């Protein structure tokens, strides 16, 4: 939370500095993933370097289903704050991007058994039992990407921007269940099943990020 307050304070400082530069700064709004709706502020320091702060959020998906004797309720939510530096190596609109994101990205699966299911290769009667799993992306990650737009420009008005990049980090997996308490599965089997989930996500060492939208220079 302190990191987010610091980022907002930095954005306020950039906005104050930008008041002395005619038509340099811009605000923008866009659509993308993983945050769905993006709101941001861009302040070009020169024709080759710029700074940005951004909030992206609003994505929330819920889905119910039944699989292998288990009734599952799933929920995915994603939002983030980002602090970025843009480099325009060619002096035009194309840029390379680096920065940090402060994330709240997670998926929760809450399951209630209605029949038999496999836990670490063992068939278990899950009827009436709970098995909950949370997949969570790291709170803070590095960001690397490319983009178009947000360059320094003396002309005020509408423009276009696009971003494509990677948030560098891996999901963690944690679980809780009533199976151990009720003697239907050992803690070792539950831990092994959770480890399989972590291993399945192990190859995902970065989360893609993409957005595009409109800017307004003033």
Protein backbone atom coordinates (compact mmCIF):
# COMPACT_ATOMS: atom_id res chain seq x y z
CA UNK A 1 0.00 0.00 0.00
CA UNK A 2 2.89 2.41 0.79
CA UNK A 3 4.31 1.75 -2.70
CA UNK A 4 0.98 2.71 -4.28
CA UNK A 5 0.82 5.94 -2.25
CA UNK A 6 4.36 6.77 -3.36
CA UNK A 7 3.42 6.19 -7.01
CA UNK A 8 0.38 8.47 -6.73
CA UNK A 9 2.55 11.17 -5.11
CA UNK A 10 5.05 10.85 -7.98
CA UNK A 11 2.25 11.29 -10.51
CA UNK A 12 1.09 14.43 -8.72
CA UNK A 13 4.65 15.79 -8.85
CA UNK A 14 4.91 15.05 -12.57
CA UNK A 15 1.62 16.82 -13.19
CA UNK A 16 2.93 19.90 -11.35
CA UNK A 17 6.19 19.90 -13.32
CA UNK A 18 4.34 19.47 -16.58
CA UNK A 19 2.37 22.69 -16.09
CA UNK A 20 5.41 24.64 -17.21
CA UNK A 21 5.80 22.82 -20.53
CA UNK A 22 3.35 23.80 -23.24
CA UNK A 23 1.44 20.82 -24.70
CA UNK A 24 4.04 18.29 -23.44
CA UNK A 25 2.06 16.18 -21.01
CA UNK A 26 -0.90 13.99 -21.84
CA UNK A 27 -3.58 11.87 -20.23
CA UNK A 28 -4.81 8.66 -21.77
CA UNK A 29 -7.46 5.97 -21.56
CA UNK A 30 -7.45 2.54 -23.16
CA UNK A 31 -8.58 -1.06 -23.16
CA UNK A 32 -6.44 -4.14 -22.67
CA UNK A 33 -5.38 -7.06 -20.53
CA UNK A 34 -4.85 -8.06 -17.80
CA UNK A 35 -6.43 -4.89 -16.40
CA UNK A 36 -9.21 -4.24 -18.97
CA UNK A 37 -9.48 -0.42 -18.55
CA UNK A 38 -6.32 1.72 -18.38
CA UNK A 39 -6.03 5.31 -17.15
CA UNK A 40 -2.70 7.07 -17.28
CA UNK A 41 -0.58 10.21 -17.35
CA UNK A 42 2.48 10.69 -19.57
CA UNK A 43 5.18 13.35 -19.16
CA UNK A 44 7.90 13.51 -21.86
CA UNK A 45 11.21 14.72 -20.39
CA UNK A 46 12.70 15.17 -23.87
CA UNK A 47 12.25 13.97 -27.44
CA UNK A 48 13.81 10.63 -26.47
CA UNK A 49 12.76 10.00 -22.83
CA UNK A 50 9.37 10.05 -21.10
CA UNK A 51 7.81 8.98 -17.81
CA UNK A 52 4.36 7.53 -17.22
CA UNK A 53 2.09 6.41 -14.41
CA UNK A 54 -0.86 4.14 -15.06
CA UNK A 55 -3.74 2.38 -13.36
CA UNK A 56 -5.36 -0.63 -15.06
CA UNK A 57 -8.28 -2.52 -13.55
CA UNK A 58 -11.91 -3.50 -13.79
CA UNK A 59 -11.44 -7.10 -14.91
CA UNK A 60 -13.53 -9.55 -12.86
CA UNK A 61 -14.71 -12.91 -14.19
CA UNK A 62 -16.77 -15.53 -12.31
CA UNK A 63 -17.60 -19.00 -13.58
CA UNK A 64 -19.23 -22.11 -12.08
CA UNK A 65 -18.84 -25.68 -13.29
CA UNK A 66 -18.52 -29.37 -12.42
CA UNK A 67 -15.48 -31.50 -13.12
CA UNK A 68 -14.53 -34.98 -11.91
CA UNK A 69 -17.08 -35.08 -9.10
CA UNK A 70 -16.41 -31.54 -7.86
CA UNK A 71 -18.63 -28.45 -8.09
CA UNK A 72 -16.28 -25.51 -8.67
CA UNK A 73 -16.83 -21.76 -8.34
CA UNK A 74 -14.04 -19.78 -9.97
CA UNK A 75 -13.24 -16.07 -9.82
CA UNK A 76 -10.46 -14.14 -11.58
CA UNK A 77 -9.64 -10.50 -10.77
CA UNK A 78 -6.89 -8.27 -12.09
CA UNK A 79 -5.74 -4.72 -11.41
CA UNK A 80 -2.38 -2.97 -11.24
CA UNK A 81 -0.54 0.30 -10.85
CA UNK A 82 2.46 0.92 -13.08
CA UNK A 83 5.42 3.30 -13.20
CA UNK A 84 7.13 3.31 -16.62
CA UNK A 85 10.03 4.93 -18.48
CA UNK A 86 9.73 5.28 -22.26
CA UNK A 87 12.72 5.51 -24.60
CA UNK A 88 12.20 6.68 -28.19
CA UNK A 89 15.39 5.40 -29.89
CA UNK A 90 14.38 6.54 -33.37
CA UNK A 91 13.04 9.95 -32.36
CA UNK A 92 9.52 9.12 -33.53
CA UNK A 93 6.52 7.41 -31.95
CA UNK A 94 8.05 3.96 -31.45
CA UNK A 95 9.38 3.36 -27.93
CA UNK A 96 10.98 0.78 -25.67
CA UNK A 97 9.44 0.53 -22.20
CA UNK A 98 10.75 -0.51 -18.79
CA UNK A 99 9.24 -0.15 -15.36
CA UNK A 100 7.55 -1.66 -12.34
CA UNK A 101 3.99 -2.84 -11.76
CA UNK A 102 2.23 -3.20 -8.40
CA UNK A 103 -0.32 -5.94 -8.88
CA UNK A 104 -3.51 -7.42 -7.49
CA UNK A 105 -3.96 -10.37 -9.88
CA UNK A 106 -5.41 -13.63 -8.59
CA UNK A 107 -7.69 -16.56 -9.36
CA UNK A 108 -9.70 -18.33 -6.65
CA UNK A 109 -11.31 -21.74 -7.08
CA UNK A 110 -13.68 -22.90 -4.34
CA UNK A 111 -14.82 -26.52 -4.72
CA UNK A 112 -17.40 -28.69 -2.97
CA UNK A 113 -17.30 -32.40 -3.77
CA UNK A 114 -20.27 -34.29 -5.20
CA UNK A 115 -18.55 -37.62 -5.95
CA UNK A 116 -15.16 -39.23 -6.36
CA UNK A 117 -12.06 -37.26 -7.40
CA UNK A 118 -8.35 -37.93 -7.78
CA UNK A 119 -5.97 -36.37 -5.22
CA UNK A 120 -2.32 -37.02 -6.07
CA UNK A 121 -3.34 -40.12 -8.01
CA UNK A 122 -5.58 -41.51 -5.24
CA UNK A 123 -9.35 -41.80 -5.64
CA UNK A 124 -11.08 -39.92 -2.82
CA UNK A 125 -14.76 -39.58 -1.97
CA UNK A 126 -15.16 -35.79 -2.12
CA UNK A 127 -18.90 -35.70 -1.30
CA UNK A 128 -19.53 -32.71 0.95
CA UNK A 129 -15.81 -31.89 1.25
CA UNK A 130 -14.20 -28.58 0.35
CA UNK A 131 -11.02 -27.98 -1.65
CA UNK A 132 -10.04 -24.35 -2.27
CA UNK A 133 -7.14 -23.10 -4.39
CA UNK A 134 -5.72 -19.60 -4.87
CA UNK A 135 -3.39 -18.72 -7.75
CA UNK A 136 -1.69 -15.38 -7.19
CA UNK A 137 0.64 -13.22 -9.27
CA UNK A 138 3.46 -11.42 -7.38
CA UNK A 139 2.60 -8.08 -5.78
CA UNK A 140 5.51 -6.31 -7.52
CA UNK A 141 7.02 -7.21 -10.90
CA UNK A 142 9.36 -5.74 -13.50
CA UNK A 143 7.84 -4.73 -16.83
CA UNK A 144 9.51 -4.84 -20.27
CA UNK A 145 7.77 -3.94 -23.50
CA UNK A 146 7.40 -1.92 -26.66
CA UNK A 147 4.90 0.74 -27.55
CA UNK A 148 3.70 3.49 -29.86
CA UNK A 149 2.75 7.04 -28.87
CA UNK A 150 3.23 9.35 -25.86
CA UNK A 151 6.13 11.13 -27.61
CA UNK A 152 6.87 14.82 -27.01
CA UNK A 153 4.77 16.95 -29.32
CA UNK A 154 4.01 20.67 -29.37
CA UNK A 155 0.55 20.11 -30.89
CA UNK A 156 -2.24 19.58 -28.40
CA UNK A 157 -5.20 17.32 -29.08
CA UNK A 158 -6.10 13.68 -29.54
CA UNK A 159 -3.64 10.92 -30.36
CA UNK A 160 -3.30 7.15 -30.34
CA UNK A 161 -1.16 4.81 -28.27
CA UNK A 162 -0.48 1.08 -28.07
CA UNK A 163 1.53 -1.07 -25.64
CA UNK A 164 2.67 -4.69 -25.67
CA UNK A 165 4.86 -6.17 -22.97
CA UNK A 166 5.55 -8.70 -20.24
CA UNK A 167 5.15 -8.50 -16.45
CA UNK A 168 8.02 -10.68 -15.25
CA UNK A 169 6.88 -13.05 -12.49
CA UNK A 170 5.32 -16.46 -11.77
CA UNK A 171 2.00 -17.39 -10.18
CA UNK A 172 2.03 -19.08 -6.78
CA UNK A 173 -0.50 -21.77 -5.76
CA UNK A 174 -1.93 -22.32 -2.27
CA UNK A 175 -4.72 -24.64 -1.17
CA UNK A 176 -6.92 -25.48 1.81
CA UNK A 177 -9.23 -28.47 2.24
CA UNK A 178 -11.41 -30.34 4.72
CA UNK A 179 -10.13 -33.71 3.41
CA UNK A 180 -7.24 -33.90 5.89
CA UNK A 181 -9.36 -32.95 8.92
CA UNK A 182 -11.95 -35.59 7.99
CA UNK A 183 -9.34 -38.27 7.34
CA UNK A 184 -10.08 -38.74 3.64
CA UNK A 185 -6.65 -37.66 2.42
CA UNK A 186 -3.22 -37.16 3.95
CA UNK A 187 -1.54 -33.79 4.19
CA UNK A 188 1.27 -35.22 2.07
CA UNK A 189 -1.15 -36.02 -0.77
CA UNK A 190 -2.74 -32.57 -0.55
CA UNK A 191 0.70 -30.92 -0.60
CA UNK A 192 1.70 -33.05 -3.59
CA UNK A 193 -1.48 -32.08 -5.45
CA UNK A 194 -0.79 -28.41 -4.75
CA UNK A 195 2.79 -28.83 -5.97
CA UNK A 196 1.45 -30.24 -9.24
CA UNK A 197 -0.49 -27.00 -9.69
CA UNK A 198 2.66 -24.97 -9.02
CA UNK A 199 4.59 -27.12 -11.49
CA UNK A 200 1.89 -26.65 -14.12
CA UNK A 201 2.39 -22.89 -13.77
CA UNK A 202 6.16 -23.16 -13.53
CA UNK A 203 6.68 -22.64 -17.24
CA UNK A 204 4.84 -19.32 -17.06
CA UNK A 205 7.56 -16.91 -15.92
CA UNK A 206 5.88 -13.77 -17.28
CA UNK A 207 2.33 -12.49 -17.78
CA UNK A 208 1.58 -10.80 -21.14
CA UNK A 209 0.19 -7.29 -21.08
CA UNK A 210 -1.42 -5.36 -23.93
CA UNK A 211 -3.44 -2.17 -24.27
CA UNK A 212 -4.42 0.44 -26.82
CA UNK A 213 -6.41 3.62 -26.66
CA UNK A 214 -6.54 7.40 -26.98
CA UNK A 215 -4.35 10.15 -25.59
CA UNK A 216 -5.02 13.85 -25.11
CA UNK A 217 -2.08 16.29 -25.06
CA UNK A 218 -2.52 19.64 -23.31
